[in-house]
Amino acid sequence: PIDFLVRVAGEIATRVKGVNRVVY
């Protein structure tokens, strides 16, 4: 689901230091 992917992308991009963008 797109809402799940959006949530995961936000979590990775904000919590994993050195990452600011996520694609599927």
PDBML (XML) file of the C-alpha atoms, coordinates in Angstrom:
<?xml version="1.0" encoding="UTF-8" ?>
<PDBx:datablock datablockName="MODEL"
   xmlns:PDBx="http://pdbml.pdb.org/schema/pdbx-v50.xsd"
   xmlns:xsi="http://www.w3.org/2001/XMLSchema-instance"
   xsi:schemaLocation="http://pdbml.pdb.org/schema/pdbx-v50.xsd pdbx-v50.xsd">
   <PDBx:atom_siteCategory>
      <PDBx:atom_site id="1">
         <PDBx:B_iso_or_equiv>0.00</PDBx:B_iso_or_equiv>
         <PDBx:Cartn_x>0.000</PDBx:Cartn_x>
         <PDBx:Cartn_y>0.000</PDBx:Cartn_y>
         <PDBx:Cartn_z>0.000</PDBx:Cartn_z>
         <PDBx:auth_asym_id>A</PDBx:auth_asym_id>
         <PDBx:auth_atom_id>CA</PDBx:auth_atom_id>
         <PDBx:auth_comp_id>PRO</PDBx:auth_comp_id>
         <PDBx:auth_seq_id>1</PDBx:auth_seq_id>
         <PDBx:group_PDB>ATOM</PDBx:group_PDB>
         <PDBx:label_alt_id xsi:nil="true" />
         <PDBx:label_asym_id>A</PDBx:label_asym_id>
         <PDBx:label_atom_id>CA</PDBx:label_atom_id>
         <PDBx:label_comp_id>PRO</PDBx:label_comp_id>
         <PDBx:label_entity_id>1</PDBx:label_entity_id>
         <PDBx:label_seq_id>1</PDBx:label_seq_id>
         <PDBx:occupancy>1.00</PDBx:occupancy>
         <PDBx:pdbx_PDB_model_num>1</PDBx:pdbx_PDB_model_num>
         <PDBx:type_symbol>C</PDBx:type_symbol>
      </PDBx:atom_site>
      <PDBx:atom_site id="2">
         <PDBx:B_iso_or_equiv>0.00</PDBx:B_iso_or_equiv>
         <PDBx:Cartn_x>1.210</PDBx:Cartn_x>
         <PDBx:Cartn_y>3.480</PDBx:Cartn_y>
         <PDBx:Cartn_z>-0.871</PDBx:Cartn_z>
         <PDBx:auth_asym_id>A</PDBx:auth_asym_id>
         <PDBx:auth_atom_id>CA</PDBx:auth_atom_id>
         <PDBx:auth_comp_id>ILE</PDBx:auth_comp_id>
         <PDBx:auth_seq_id>2</PDBx:auth_seq_id>
         <PDBx:group_PDB>ATOM</PDBx:group_PDB>
         <PDBx:label_alt_id xsi:nil="true" />
         <PDBx:label_asym_id>A</PDBx:label_asym_id>
         <PDBx:label_atom_id>CA</PDBx:label_atom_id>
         <PDBx:label_comp_id>ILE</PDBx:label_comp_id>
         <PDBx:label_entity_id>1</PDBx:label_entity_id>
         <PDBx:label_seq_id>2</PDBx:label_seq_id>
         <PDBx:occupancy>1.00</PDBx:occupancy>
         <PDBx:pdbx_PDB_model_num>1</PDBx:pdbx_PDB_model_num>
         <PDBx:type_symbol>C</PDBx:type_symbol>
      </PDBx:atom_site>
      <PDBx:atom_site id="3">
         <PDBx:B_iso_or_equiv>0.00</PDBx:B_iso_or_equiv>
         <PDBx:Cartn_x>0.408</PDBx:Cartn_x>
         <PDBx:Cartn_y>4.848</PDBx:Cartn_y>
         <PDBx:Cartn_z>2.590</PDBx:Cartn_z>
         <PDBx:auth_asym_id>A</PDBx:auth_asym_id>
         <PDBx:auth_atom_id>CA</PDBx:auth_atom_id>
         <PDBx:auth_comp_id>ASP</PDBx:auth_comp_id>
         <PDBx:auth_seq_id>3</PDBx:auth_seq_id>
         <PDBx:group_PDB>ATOM</PDBx:group_PDB>
         <PDBx:label_alt_id xsi:nil="true" />
         <PDBx:label_asym_id>A</PDBx:label_asym_id>
         <PDBx:label_atom_id>CA</PDBx:label_atom_id>
         <PDBx:label_comp_id>ASP</PDBx:label_comp_id>
         <PDBx:label_entity_id>1</PDBx:label_entity_id>
         <PDBx:label_seq_id>3</PDBx:label_seq_id>
         <PDBx:occupancy>1.00</PDBx:occupancy>
         <PDBx:pdbx_PDB_model_num>1</PDBx:pdbx_PDB_model_num>
         <PDBx:type_symbol>C</PDBx:type_symbol>
      </PDBx:atom_site>
      <PDBx:atom_site id="4">
         <PDBx:B_iso_or_equiv>0.00</PDBx:B_iso_or_equiv>
         <PDBx:Cartn_x>2.642</PDBx:Cartn_x>
         <PDBx:Cartn_y>2.160</PDBx:Cartn_y>
         <PDBx:Cartn_z>4.109</PDBx:Cartn_z>
         <PDBx:auth_asym_id>A</PDBx:auth_asym_id>
         <PDBx:auth_atom_id>CA</PDBx:auth_atom_id>
         <PDBx:auth_comp_id>PHE</PDBx:auth_comp_id>
         <PDBx:auth_seq_id>4</PDBx:auth_seq_id>
         <PDBx:group_PDB>ATOM</PDBx:group_PDB>
         <PDBx:label_alt_id xsi:nil="true" />
         <PDBx:label_asym_id>A</PDBx:label_asym_id>
         <PDBx:label_atom_id>CA</PDBx:label_atom_id>
         <PDBx:label_comp_id>PHE</PDBx:label_comp_id>
         <PDBx:label_entity_id>1</PDBx:label_entity_id>
         <PDBx:label_seq_id>4</PDBx:label_seq_id>
         <PDBx:occupancy>1.00</PDBx:occupancy>
         <PDBx:pdbx_PDB_model_num>1</PDBx:pdbx_PDB_model_num>
         <PDBx:type_symbol>C</PDBx:type_symbol>
      </PDBx:atom_site>
      <PDBx:atom_site id="5">
         <PDBx:B_iso_or_equiv>0.00</PDBx:B_iso_or_equiv>
         <PDBx:Cartn_x>5.478</PDBx:Cartn_x>
         <PDBx:Cartn_y>2.989</PDBx:Cartn_y>
         <PDBx:Cartn_z>1.733</PDBx:Cartn_z>
         <PDBx:auth_asym_id>A</PDBx:auth_asym_id>
         <PDBx:auth_atom_id>CA</PDBx:auth_atom_id>
         <PDBx:auth_comp_id>LEU</PDBx:auth_comp_id>
         <PDBx:auth_seq_id>5</PDBx:auth_seq_id>
         <PDBx:group_PDB>ATOM</PDBx:group_PDB>
         <PDBx:label_alt_id xsi:nil="true" />
         <PDBx:label_asym_id>A</PDBx:label_asym_id>
         <PDBx:label_atom_id>CA</PDBx:label_atom_id>
         <PDBx:label_comp_id>LEU</PDBx:label_comp_id>
         <PDBx:label_entity_id>1</PDBx:label_entity_id>
         <PDBx:label_seq_id>5</PDBx:label_seq_id>
         <PDBx:occupancy>1.00</PDBx:occupancy>
         <PDBx:pdbx_PDB_model_num>1</PDBx:pdbx_PDB_model_num>
         <PDBx:type_symbol>C</PDBx:type_symbol>
      </PDBx:atom_site>
      <PDBx:atom_site id="6">
         <PDBx:B_iso_or_equiv>0.00</PDBx:B_iso_or_equiv>
         <PDBx:Cartn_x>5.134</PDBx:Cartn_x>
         <PDBx:Cartn_y>6.695</PDBx:Cartn_y>
         <PDBx:Cartn_z>2.461</PDBx:Cartn_z>
         <PDBx:auth_asym_id>A</PDBx:auth_asym_id>
         <PDBx:auth_atom_id>CA</PDBx:auth_atom_id>
         <PDBx:auth_comp_id>VAL</PDBx:auth_comp_id>
         <PDBx:auth_seq_id>6</PDBx:auth_seq_id>
         <PDBx:group_PDB>ATOM</PDBx:group_PDB>
         <PDBx:label_alt_id xsi:nil="true" />
         <PDBx:label_asym_id>A</PDBx:label_asym_id>
         <PDBx:label_atom_id>CA</PDBx:label_atom_id>
         <PDBx:label_comp_id>VAL</PDBx:label_comp_id>
         <PDBx:label_entity_id>1</PDBx:label_entity_id>
         <PDBx:label_seq_id>6</PDBx:label_seq_id>
         <PDBx:occupancy>1.00</PDBx:occupancy>
         <PDBx:pdbx_PDB_model_num>1</PDBx:pdbx_PDB_model_num>
         <PDBx:type_symbol>C</PDBx:type_symbol>
      </PDBx:atom_site>
      <PDBx:atom_site id="7">
         <PDBx:B_iso_or_equiv>0.00</PDBx:B_iso_or_equiv>
         <PDBx:Cartn_x>5.322</PDBx:Cartn_x>
         <PDBx:Cartn_y>6.018</PDBx:Cartn_y>
         <PDBx:Cartn_z>6.191</PDBx:Cartn_z>
         <PDBx:auth_asym_id>A</PDBx:auth_asym_id>
         <PDBx:auth_atom_id>CA</PDBx:auth_atom_id>
         <PDBx:auth_comp_id>ARG</PDBx:auth_comp_id>
         <PDBx:auth_seq_id>7</PDBx:auth_seq_id>
         <PDBx:group_PDB>ATOM</PDBx:group_PDB>
         <PDBx:label_alt_id xsi:nil="true" />
         <PDBx:label_asym_id>A</PDBx:label_asym_id>
         <PDBx:label_atom_id>CA</PDBx:label_atom_id>
         <PDBx:label_comp_id>ARG</PDBx:label_comp_id>
         <PDBx:label_entity_id>1</PDBx:label_entity_id>
         <PDBx:label_seq_id>7</PDBx:label_seq_id>
         <PDBx:occupancy>1.00</PDBx:occupancy>
         <PDBx:pdbx_PDB_model_num>1</PDBx:pdbx_PDB_model_num>
         <PDBx:type_symbol>C</PDBx:type_symbol>
      </PDBx:atom_site>
      <PDBx:atom_site id="8">
         <PDBx:B_iso_or_equiv>0.00</PDBx:B_iso_or_equiv>
         <PDBx:Cartn_x>8.390</PDBx:Cartn_x>
         <PDBx:Cartn_y>3.771</PDBx:Cartn_y>
         <PDBx:Cartn_z>5.884</PDBx:Cartn_z>
         <PDBx:auth_asym_id>A</PDBx:auth_asym_id>
         <PDBx:auth_atom_id>CA</PDBx:auth_atom_id>
         <PDBx:auth_comp_id>VAL</PDBx:auth_comp_id>
         <PDBx:auth_seq_id>8</PDBx:auth_seq_id>
         <PDBx:group_PDB>ATOM</PDBx:group_PDB>
         <PDBx:label_alt_id xsi:nil="true" />
         <PDBx:label_asym_id>A</PDBx:label_asym_id>
         <PDBx:label_atom_id>CA</PDBx:label_atom_id>
         <PDBx:label_comp_id>VAL</PDBx:label_comp_id>
         <PDBx:label_entity_id>1</PDBx:label_entity_id>
         <PDBx:label_seq_id>8</PDBx:label_seq_id>
         <PDBx:occupancy>1.00</PDBx:occupancy>
         <PDBx:pdbx_PDB_model_num>1</PDBx:pdbx_PDB_model_num>
         <PDBx:type_symbol>C</PDBx:type_symbol>
      </PDBx:atom_site>
      <PDBx:atom_site id="9">
         <PDBx:B_iso_or_equiv>0.00</PDBx:B_iso_or_equiv>
         <PDBx:Cartn_x>10.117</PDBx:Cartn_x>
         <PDBx:Cartn_y>6.205</PDBx:Cartn_y>
         <PDBx:Cartn_z>3.549</PDBx:Cartn_z>
         <PDBx:auth_asym_id>A</PDBx:auth_asym_id>
         <PDBx:auth_atom_id>CA</PDBx:auth_atom_id>
         <PDBx:auth_comp_id>ALA</PDBx:auth_comp_id>
         <PDBx:auth_seq_id>9</PDBx:auth_seq_id>
         <PDBx:group_PDB>ATOM</PDBx:group_PDB>
         <PDBx:label_alt_id xsi:nil="true" />
         <PDBx:label_asym_id>A</PDBx:label_asym_id>
         <PDBx:label_atom_id>CA</PDBx:label_atom_id>
         <PDBx:label_comp_id>ALA</PDBx:label_comp_id>
         <PDBx:label_entity_id>1</PDBx:label_entity_id>
         <PDBx:label_seq_id>9</PDBx:label_seq_id>
         <PDBx:occupancy>1.00</PDBx:occupancy>
         <PDBx:pdbx_PDB_model_num>1</PDBx:pdbx_PDB_model_num>
         <PDBx:type_symbol>C</PDBx:type_symbol>
      </PDBx:atom_site>
      <PDBx:atom_site id="10">
         <PDBx:B_iso_or_equiv>0.00</PDBx:B_iso_or_equiv>
         <PDBx:Cartn_x>9.580</PDBx:Cartn_x>
         <PDBx:Cartn_y>9.015</PDBx:Cartn_y>
         <PDBx:Cartn_z>6.037</PDBx:Cartn_z>
         <PDBx:auth_asym_id>A</PDBx:auth_asym_id>
         <PDBx:auth_atom_id>CA</PDBx:auth_atom_id>
         <PDBx:auth_comp_id>GLY</PDBx:auth_comp_id>
         <PDBx:auth_seq_id>10</PDBx:auth_seq_id>
         <PDBx:group_PDB>ATOM</PDBx:group_PDB>
         <PDBx:label_alt_id xsi:nil="true" />
         <PDBx:label_asym_id>A</PDBx:label_asym_id>
         <PDBx:label_atom_id>CA</PDBx:label_atom_id>
         <PDBx:label_comp_id>GLY</PDBx:label_comp_id>
         <PDBx:label_entity_id>1</PDBx:label_entity_id>
         <PDBx:label_seq_id>10</PDBx:label_seq_id>
         <PDBx:occupancy>1.00</PDBx:occupancy>
         <PDBx:pdbx_PDB_model_num>1</PDBx:pdbx_PDB_model_num>
         <PDBx:type_symbol>C</PDBx:type_symbol>
      </PDBx:atom_site>
      <PDBx:atom_site id="11">
         <PDBx:B_iso_or_equiv>0.00</PDBx:B_iso_or_equiv>
         <PDBx:Cartn_x>10.907</PDBx:Cartn_x>
         <PDBx:Cartn_y>6.929</PDBx:Cartn_y>
         <PDBx:Cartn_z>8.896</PDBx:Cartn_z>
         <PDBx:auth_asym_id>A</PDBx:auth_asym_id>
         <PDBx:auth_atom_id>CA</PDBx:auth_atom_id>
         <PDBx:auth_comp_id>GLU</PDBx:auth_comp_id>
         <PDBx:auth_seq_id>11</PDBx:auth_seq_id>
         <PDBx:group_PDB>ATOM</PDBx:group_PDB>
         <PDBx:label_alt_id xsi:nil="true" />
         <PDBx:label_asym_id>A</PDBx:label_asym_id>
         <PDBx:label_atom_id>CA</PDBx:label_atom_id>
         <PDBx:label_comp_id>GLU</PDBx:label_comp_id>
         <PDBx:label_entity_id>1</PDBx:label_entity_id>
         <PDBx:label_seq_id>11</PDBx:label_seq_id>
         <PDBx:occupancy>1.00</PDBx:occupancy>
         <PDBx:pdbx_PDB_model_num>1</PDBx:pdbx_PDB_model_num>
         <PDBx:type_symbol>C</PDBx:type_symbol>
      </PDBx:atom_site>
      <PDBx:atom_site id="12">
         <PDBx:B_iso_or_equiv>0.00</PDBx:B_iso_or_equiv>
         <PDBx:Cartn_x>14.076</PDBx:Cartn_x>
         <PDBx:Cartn_y>5.943</PDBx:Cartn_y>
         <PDBx:Cartn_z>7.032</PDBx:Cartn_z>
         <PDBx:auth_asym_id>A</PDBx:auth_asym_id>
         <PDBx:auth_atom_id>CA</PDBx:auth_atom_id>
         <PDBx:auth_comp_id>ILE</PDBx:auth_comp_id>
         <PDBx:auth_seq_id>12</PDBx:auth_seq_id>
         <PDBx:group_PDB>ATOM</PDBx:group_PDB>
         <PDBx:label_alt_id xsi:nil="true" />
         <PDBx:label_asym_id>A</PDBx:label_asym_id>
         <PDBx:label_atom_id>CA</PDBx:label_atom_id>
         <PDBx:label_comp_id>ILE</PDBx:label_comp_id>
         <PDBx:label_entity_id>1</PDBx:label_entity_id>
         <PDBx:label_seq_id>12</PDBx:label_seq_id>
         <PDBx:occupancy>1.00</PDBx:occupancy>
         <PDBx:pdbx_PDB_model_num>1</PDBx:pdbx_PDB_model_num>
         <PDBx:type_symbol>C</PDBx:type_symbol>
      </PDBx:atom_site>
      <PDBx:atom_site id="13">
         <PDBx:B_iso_or_equiv>0.00</PDBx:B_iso_or_equiv>
         <PDBx:Cartn_x>14.723</PDBx:Cartn_x>
         <PDBx:Cartn_y>9.411</PDBx:Cartn_y>
         <PDBx:Cartn_z>5.632</PDBx:Cartn_z>
         <PDBx:auth_asym_id>A</PDBx:auth_asym_id>
         <PDBx:auth_atom_id>CA</PDBx:auth_atom_id>
         <PDBx:auth_comp_id>ALA</PDBx:auth_comp_id>
         <PDBx:auth_seq_id>13</PDBx:auth_seq_id>
         <PDBx:group_PDB>ATOM</PDBx:group_PDB>
         <PDBx:label_alt_id xsi:nil="true" />
         <PDBx:label_asym_id>A</PDBx:label_asym_id>
         <PDBx:label_atom_id>CA</PDBx:label_atom_id>
         <PDBx:label_comp_id>ALA</PDBx:label_comp_id>
         <PDBx:label_entity_id>1</PDBx:label_entity_id>
         <PDBx:label_seq_id>13</PDBx:label_seq_id>
         <PDBx:occupancy>1.00</PDBx:occupancy>
         <PDBx:pdbx_PDB_model_num>1</PDBx:pdbx_PDB_model_num>
         <PDBx:type_symbol>C</PDBx:type_symbol>
      </PDBx:atom_site>
      <PDBx:atom_site id="14">
         <PDBx:B_iso_or_equiv>0.00</PDBx:B_iso_or_equiv>
         <PDBx:Cartn_x>14.371</PDBx:Cartn_x>
         <PDBx:Cartn_y>11.121</PDBx:Cartn_y>
         <PDBx:Cartn_z>9.005</PDBx:Cartn_z>
         <PDBx:auth_asym_id>A</PDBx:auth_asym_id>
         <PDBx:auth_atom_id>CA</PDBx:auth_atom_id>
         <PDBx:auth_comp_id>THR</PDBx:auth_comp_id>
         <PDBx:auth_seq_id>14</PDBx:auth_seq_id>
         <PDBx:group_PDB>ATOM</PDBx:group_PDB>
         <PDBx:label_alt_id xsi:nil="true" />
         <PDBx:label_asym_id>A</PDBx:label_asym_id>
         <PDBx:label_atom_id>CA</PDBx:label_atom_id>
         <PDBx:label_comp_id>THR</PDBx:label_comp_id>
         <PDBx:label_entity_id>1</PDBx:label_entity_id>
         <PDBx:label_seq_id>14</PDBx:label_seq_id>
         <PDBx:occupancy>1.00</PDBx:occupancy>
         <PDBx:pdbx_PDB_model_num>1</PDBx:pdbx_PDB_model_num>
         <PDBx:type_symbol>C</PDBx:type_symbol>
      </PDBx:atom_site>
      <PDBx:atom_site id="15">
         <PDBx:B_iso_or_equiv>0.00</PDBx:B_iso_or_equiv>
         <PDBx:Cartn_x>15.859</PDBx:Cartn_x>
         <PDBx:Cartn_y>8.514</PDBx:Cartn_y>
         <PDBx:Cartn_z>11.371</PDBx:Cartn_z>
         <PDBx:auth_asym_id>A</PDBx:auth_asym_id>
         <PDBx:auth_atom_id>CA</PDBx:auth_atom_id>
         <PDBx:auth_comp_id>ARG</PDBx:auth_comp_id>
         <PDBx:auth_seq_id>15</PDBx:auth_seq_id>
         <PDBx:group_PDB>ATOM</PDBx:group_PDB>
         <PDBx:label_alt_id xsi:nil="true" />
         <PDBx:label_asym_id>A</PDBx:label_asym_id>
         <PDBx:label_atom_id>CA</PDBx:label_atom_id>
         <PDBx:label_comp_id>ARG</PDBx:label_comp_id>
         <PDBx:label_entity_id>1</PDBx:label_entity_id>
         <PDBx:label_seq_id>15</PDBx:label_seq_id>
         <PDBx:occupancy>1.00</PDBx:occupancy>
         <PDBx:pdbx_PDB_model_num>1</PDBx:pdbx_PDB_model_num>
         <PDBx:type_symbol>C</PDBx:type_symbol>
      </PDBx:atom_site>
      <PDBx:atom_site id="16">
         <PDBx:B_iso_or_equiv>0.00</PDBx:B_iso_or_equiv>
         <PDBx:Cartn_x>18.713</PDBx:Cartn_x>
         <PDBx:Cartn_y>6.959</PDBx:Cartn_y>
         <PDBx:Cartn_z>9.410</PDBx:Cartn_z>
         <PDBx:auth_asym_id>A</PDBx:auth_asym_id>
         <PDBx:auth_atom_id>CA</PDBx:auth_atom_id>
         <PDBx:auth_comp_id>VAL</PDBx:auth_comp_id>
         <PDBx:auth_seq_id>16</PDBx:auth_seq_id>
         <PDBx:group_PDB>ATOM</PDBx:group_PDB>
         <PDBx:label_alt_id xsi:nil="true" />
         <PDBx:label_asym_id>A</PDBx:label_asym_id>
         <PDBx:label_atom_id>CA</PDBx:label_atom_id>
         <PDBx:label_comp_id>VAL</PDBx:label_comp_id>
         <PDBx:label_entity_id>1</PDBx:label_entity_id>
         <PDBx:label_seq_id>16</PDBx:label_seq_id>
         <PDBx:occupancy>1.00</PDBx:occupancy>
         <PDBx:pdbx_PDB_model_num>1</PDBx:pdbx_PDB_model_num>
         <PDBx:type_symbol>C</PDBx:type_symbol>
      </PDBx:atom_site>
      <PDBx:atom_site id="17">
         <PDBx:B_iso_or_equiv>0.00</PDBx:B_iso_or_equiv>
         <PDBx:Cartn_x>21.596</PDBx:Cartn_x>
         <PDBx:Cartn_y>9.402</PDBx:Cartn_y>
         <PDBx:Cartn_z>9.414</PDBx:Cartn_z>
         <PDBx:auth_asym_id>A</PDBx:auth_asym_id>
         <PDBx:auth_atom_id>CA</PDBx:auth_atom_id>
         <PDBx:auth_comp_id>LYS</PDBx:auth_comp_id>
         <PDBx:auth_seq_id>17</PDBx:auth_seq_id>
         <PDBx:group_PDB>ATOM</PDBx:group_PDB>
         <PDBx:label_alt_id xsi:nil="true" />
         <PDBx:label_asym_id>A</PDBx:label_asym_id>
         <PDBx:label_atom_id>CA</PDBx:label_atom_id>
         <PDBx:label_comp_id>LYS</PDBx:label_comp_id>
         <PDBx:label_entity_id>1</PDBx:label_entity_id>
         <PDBx:label_seq_id>17</PDBx:label_seq_id>
         <PDBx:occupancy>1.00</PDBx:occupancy>
         <PDBx:pdbx_PDB_model_num>1</PDBx:pdbx_PDB_model_num>
         <PDBx:type_symbol>C</PDBx:type_symbol>
      </PDBx:atom_site>
      <PDBx:atom_site id="18">
         <PDBx:B_iso_or_equiv>0.00</PDBx:B_iso_or_equiv>
         <PDBx:Cartn_x>22.947</PDBx:Cartn_x>
         <PDBx:Cartn_y>10.045</PDBx:Cartn_y>
         <PDBx:Cartn_z>5.908</PDBx:Cartn_z>
         <PDBx:auth_asym_id>A</PDBx:auth_asym_id>
         <PDBx:auth_atom_id>CA</PDBx:auth_atom_id>
         <PDBx:auth_comp_id>GLY</PDBx:auth_comp_id>
         <PDBx:auth_seq_id>18</PDBx:auth_seq_id>
         <PDBx:group_PDB>ATOM</PDBx:group_PDB>
         <PDBx:label_alt_id xsi:nil="true" />
         <PDBx:label_asym_id>A</PDBx:label_asym_id>
         <PDBx:label_atom_id>CA</PDBx:label_atom_id>
         <PDBx:label_comp_id>GLY</PDBx:label_comp_id>
         <PDBx:label_entity_id>1</PDBx:label_entity_id>
         <PDBx:label_seq_id>18</PDBx:label_seq_id>
         <PDBx:occupancy>1.00</PDBx:occupancy>
         <PDBx:pdbx_PDB_model_num>1</PDBx:pdbx_PDB_model_num>
         <PDBx:type_symbol>C</PDBx:type_symbol>
      </PDBx:atom_site>
      <PDBx:atom_site id="19">
         <PDBx:B_iso_or_equiv>0.00</PDBx:B_iso_or_equiv>
         <PDBx:Cartn_x>19.699</PDBx:Cartn_x>
         <PDBx:Cartn_y>9.304</PDBx:Cartn_y>
         <PDBx:Cartn_z>4.035</PDBx:Cartn_z>
         <PDBx:auth_asym_id>A</PDBx:auth_asym_id>
         <PDBx:auth_atom_id>CA</PDBx:auth_atom_id>
         <PDBx:auth_comp_id>VAL</PDBx:auth_comp_id>
         <PDBx:auth_seq_id>19</PDBx:auth_seq_id>
         <PDBx:group_PDB>ATOM</PDBx:group_PDB>
         <PDBx:label_alt_id xsi:nil="true" />
         <PDBx:label_asym_id>A</PDBx:label_asym_id>
         <PDBx:label_atom_id>CA</PDBx:label_atom_id>
         <PDBx:label_comp_id>VAL</PDBx:label_comp_id>
         <PDBx:label_entity_id>1</PDBx:label_entity_id>
         <PDBx:label_seq_id>19</PDBx:label_seq_id>
         <PDBx:occupancy>1.00</PDBx:occupancy>
         <PDBx:pdbx_PDB_model_num>1</PDBx:pdbx_PDB_model_num>
         <PDBx:type_symbol>C</PDBx:type_symbol>
      </PDBx:atom_site>
      <PDBx:atom_site id="20">
         <PDBx:B_iso_or_equiv>0.00</PDBx:B_iso_or_equiv>
         <PDBx:Cartn_x>17.222</PDBx:Cartn_x>
         <PDBx:Cartn_y>11.921</PDBx:Cartn_y>
         <PDBx:Cartn_z>2.806</PDBx:Cartn_z>
         <PDBx:auth_asym_id>A</PDBx:auth_asym_id>
         <PDBx:auth_atom_id>CA</PDBx:auth_atom_id>
         <PDBx:auth_comp_id>ASN</PDBx:auth_comp_id>
         <PDBx:auth_seq_id>20</PDBx:auth_seq_id>
         <PDBx:group_PDB>ATOM</PDBx:group_PDB>
         <PDBx:label_alt_id xsi:nil="true" />
         <PDBx:label_asym_id>A</PDBx:label_asym_id>
         <PDBx:label_atom_id>CA</PDBx:label_atom_id>
         <PDBx:label_comp_id>ASN</PDBx:label_comp_id>
         <PDBx:label_entity_id>1</PDBx:label_entity_id>
         <PDBx:label_seq_id>20</PDBx:label_seq_id>
         <PDBx:occupancy>1.00</PDBx:occupancy>
         <PDBx:pdbx_PDB_model_num>1</PDBx:pdbx_PDB_model_num>
         <PDBx:type_symbol>C</PDBx:type_symbol>
      </PDBx:atom_site>
      <PDBx:atom_site id="21">
         <PDBx:B_iso_or_equiv>0.00</PDBx:B_iso_or_equiv>
         <PDBx:Cartn_x>15.301</PDBx:Cartn_x>
         <PDBx:Cartn_y>10.191</PDBx:Cartn_y>
         <PDBx:Cartn_z>0.005</PDBx:Cartn_z>
         <PDBx:auth_asym_id>A</PDBx:auth_asym_id>
         <PDBx:auth_atom_id>CA</PDBx:auth_atom_id>
         <PDBx:auth_comp_id>ARG</PDBx:auth_comp_id>
         <PDBx:auth_seq_id>21</PDBx:auth_seq_id>
         <PDBx:group_PDB>ATOM</PDBx:group_PDB>
         <PDBx:label_alt_id xsi:nil="true" />
         <PDBx:label_asym_id>A</PDBx:label_asym_id>
         <PDBx:label_atom_id>CA</PDBx:label_atom_id>
         <PDBx:label_comp_id>ARG</PDBx:label_comp_id>
         <PDBx:label_entity_id>1</PDBx:label_entity_id>
         <PDBx:label_seq_id>21</PDBx:label_seq_id>
         <PDBx:occupancy>1.00</PDBx:occupancy>
         <PDBx:pdbx_PDB_model_num>1</PDBx:pdbx_PDB_model_num>
         <PDBx:type_symbol>C</PDBx:type_symbol>
      </PDBx:atom_site>
      <PDBx:atom_site id="22">
         <PDBx:B_iso_or_equiv>0.00</PDBx:B_iso_or_equiv>
         <PDBx:Cartn_x>13.624</PDBx:Cartn_x>
         <PDBx:Cartn_y>6.779</PDBx:Cartn_y>
         <PDBx:Cartn_z>-0.446</PDBx:Cartn_z>
         <PDBx:auth_asym_id>A</PDBx:auth_asym_id>
         <PDBx:auth_atom_id>CA</PDBx:auth_atom_id>
         <PDBx:auth_comp_id>VAL</PDBx:auth_comp_id>
         <PDBx:auth_seq_id>22</PDBx:auth_seq_id>
         <PDBx:group_PDB>ATOM</PDBx:group_PDB>
         <PDBx:label_alt_id xsi:nil="true" />
         <PDBx:label_asym_id>A</PDBx:label_asym_id>
         <PDBx:label_atom_id>CA</PDBx:label_atom_id>
         <PDBx:label_comp_id>VAL</PDBx:label_comp_id>
         <PDBx:label_entity_id>1</PDBx:label_entity_id>
         <PDBx:label_seq_id>22</PDBx:label_seq_id>
         <PDBx:occupancy>1.00</PDBx:occupancy>
         <PDBx:pdbx_PDB_model_num>1</PDBx:pdbx_PDB_model_num>
         <PDBx:type_symbol>C</PDBx:type_symbol>
      </PDBx:atom_site>
      <PDBx:atom_site id="23">
         <PDBx:B_iso_or_equiv>0.00</PDBx:B_iso_or_equiv>
         <PDBx:Cartn_x>12.276</PDBx:Cartn_x>
         <PDBx:Cartn_y>5.188</PDBx:Cartn_y>
         <PDBx:Cartn_z>-3.656</PDBx:Cartn_z>
         <PDBx:auth_asym_id>A</PDBx:auth_asym_id>
         <PDBx:auth_atom_id>CA</PDBx:auth_atom_id>
         <PDBx:auth_comp_id>VAL</PDBx:auth_comp_id>
         <PDBx:auth_seq_id>23</PDBx:auth_seq_id>
         <PDBx:group_PDB>ATOM</PDBx:group_PDB>
         <PDBx:label_alt_id xsi:nil="true" />
         <PDBx:label_asym_id>A</PDBx:label_asym_id>
         <PDBx:label_atom_id>CA</PDBx:label_atom_id>
         <PDBx:label_comp_id>VAL</PDBx:label_comp_id>
         <PDBx:label_entity_id>1</PDBx:label_entity_id>
         <PDBx:label_seq_id>23</PDBx:label_seq_id>
         <PDBx:occupancy>1.00</PDBx:occupancy>
         <PDBx:pdbx_PDB_model_num>1</PDBx:pdbx_PDB_model_num>
         <PDBx:type_symbol>C</PDBx:type_symbol>
      </PDBx:atom_site>
      <PDBx:atom_site id="24">
         <PDBx:B_iso_or_equiv>0.00</PDBx:B_iso_or_equiv>
         <PDBx:Cartn_x>10.413</PDBx:Cartn_x>
         <PDBx:Cartn_y>1.921</PDBx:Cartn_y>
         <PDBx:Cartn_z>-4.331</PDBx:Cartn_z>
         <PDBx:auth_asym_id>A</PDBx:auth_asym_id>
         <PDBx:auth_atom_id>CA</PDBx:auth_atom_id>
         <PDBx:auth_comp_id>TYR</PDBx:auth_comp_id>
         <PDBx:auth_seq_id>24</PDBx:auth_seq_id>
         <PDBx:group_PDB>ATOM</PDBx:group_PDB>
         <PDBx:label_alt_id xsi:nil="true" />
         <PDBx:label_asym_id>A</PDBx:label_asym_id>
         <PDBx:label_atom_id>CA</PDBx:label_atom_id>
         <PDBx:label_comp_id>TYR</PDBx:label_comp_id>
         <PDBx:label_entity_id>1</PDBx:label_entity_id>
         <PDBx:label_seq_id>24</PDBx:label_seq_id>
         <PDBx:occupancy>1.00</PDBx:occupancy>
         <PDBx:pdbx_PDB_model_num>1</PDBx:pdbx_PDB_model_num>
         <PDBx:type_symbol>C</PDBx:type_symbol>
      </PDBx:atom_site>
   </PDBx:atom_siteCategory>
</PDBx:datablock>
